[in-house]
Amino acid sequence: MKAIRLREGKQRSLLRHHPWVFESSVARGRADAGETVRVEAADGSFLAWAAYSPASQIRLRAWSFDEAERIDAAFFERRIARAIALRGRLAVASDSVRLVHGEADGLPGLIVDRYGDTLVAQFLSAGAERWKAAIADALMHTSGAARLYERSDASVRGQEGLAPQAGWLRGDGATELTIREHDWRFDVDIAHGHKTGFYLDQRDNRRHFADMVRHLGVQRVLNCYCYTGGFSIAALAGGASQVLSVDSSGPALARAEAHVRANGFAAERHATQDADVNAMLRAQIDAGTRFDAIVLDPPKFAPTGAHAERAARAYKDINRLALKLLAPGGLLFTFSCSGGIGPELFHKIVAGAGIDAGVDAAILQRLEAGPDHPTTLFFPEGSYLKGLALLKA
């Protein structure tokens, strides 16, 4: 087993069971991409077993902090079984669930979503890639799924020196699936849709939105960055009389319209607009339009902390415009899925948007991903999705 020695004082994060070690913390030692190595403090004492990534700034991702543990196929089967057992204890209102959530489940770089009897996995780190075959076998054996599709085409693989890959790993079949969420149905394209095909992390927030629309008597709803219309369906289910779904993807808008029909809502209650959201918000303000509720669920503006300043300006601008566009007493559901923007900073950004818009609002609820996307005590970076439900004064 190859050993990686850390610089003096750089062992603190591993002693706190944080799974990452950056390149600058490594004193000496090398290994092949994804190879399991023994990580040692400057004095040679054991710290962790980790996967080595020669191309990434995150040079090491810890598998285990137990010196007696062996990193082999049985290890991955145990970890996956533990992750699946956790989801079995959760009340997930869907036939689709996140089964493995990377570092939070002790499996850095591995994401697995289940859509009915189909698994969709992302192998996003050198370590996960090296153990792909063993992980695929463990997933099939432990989950009882019928098939496994790979969607390892996220840009973060490039930072690991890995080329994008997609296709069936185990079994085969249709890549267009229909899932149930709450009382609604959605079609999912696991081959070409965003992430693994759908935003399962917003499941509970869609239900919260439907409930608030109903409770507040909301009639006119604007859903920005709507993708395939999850929040639009929630608004219609909550009783909204008119919903406008806006996105810059024509195929996503077509699927949103199909979801309206599939869930039995009248077509005249829903409209779509293929547009840049920022420009659309400005045009709606100029036209004197007002909405009773707005959803802002933009793509990732800040993938890392290095992008936070630029992203903060973008988040502030769209929230300022949305607050202006809301009718008095209107509801704003606003989100950031950027790992480089923490919950406190996001709150400050939205507060700054309110100041610039001359608008105050009450925070009704702080929002996050569903419990099948857990955040652990030792890895707070896993809390990537954060949101606020605001009621305009």
Foldseek 3Di string as FASTA:
>chain_A
DWEWEFDAPQLVLLVLVQFFDFPNGTDDTDDDQQDWYFYAYNVRDTRATWGAFPQARRGTGGLGRDPPDDPDLVSLLVLLLVQQVVVVVDDAQKLKFWSDQAVVSSHHQWTWIDANLEIEIARQGRNCVVCVVSNVVSCCVNVVHQWYWYFNCDPSSVSSVDHTDTGTPGDDDAQWDWMDANNFIAIFRCRDAPDRTDPQQCRVVLQVLLCVCQVVVFAEEEEEQCQQNSNVVSNVSSPHQAYEYEEQDPVSPVNNLVRCVRRPHDSRRYYYDNDDLLVVLVVCVVVVAAGQEYEADDPAQAQALVRVVVSLVVLLSNLLSNLSRYDAQHKYKYKHLHLNQDPVNSVVSNVVSCVVNVWDWDFPDKDFTDPSQDDDPSHNSSGRMIITIITID
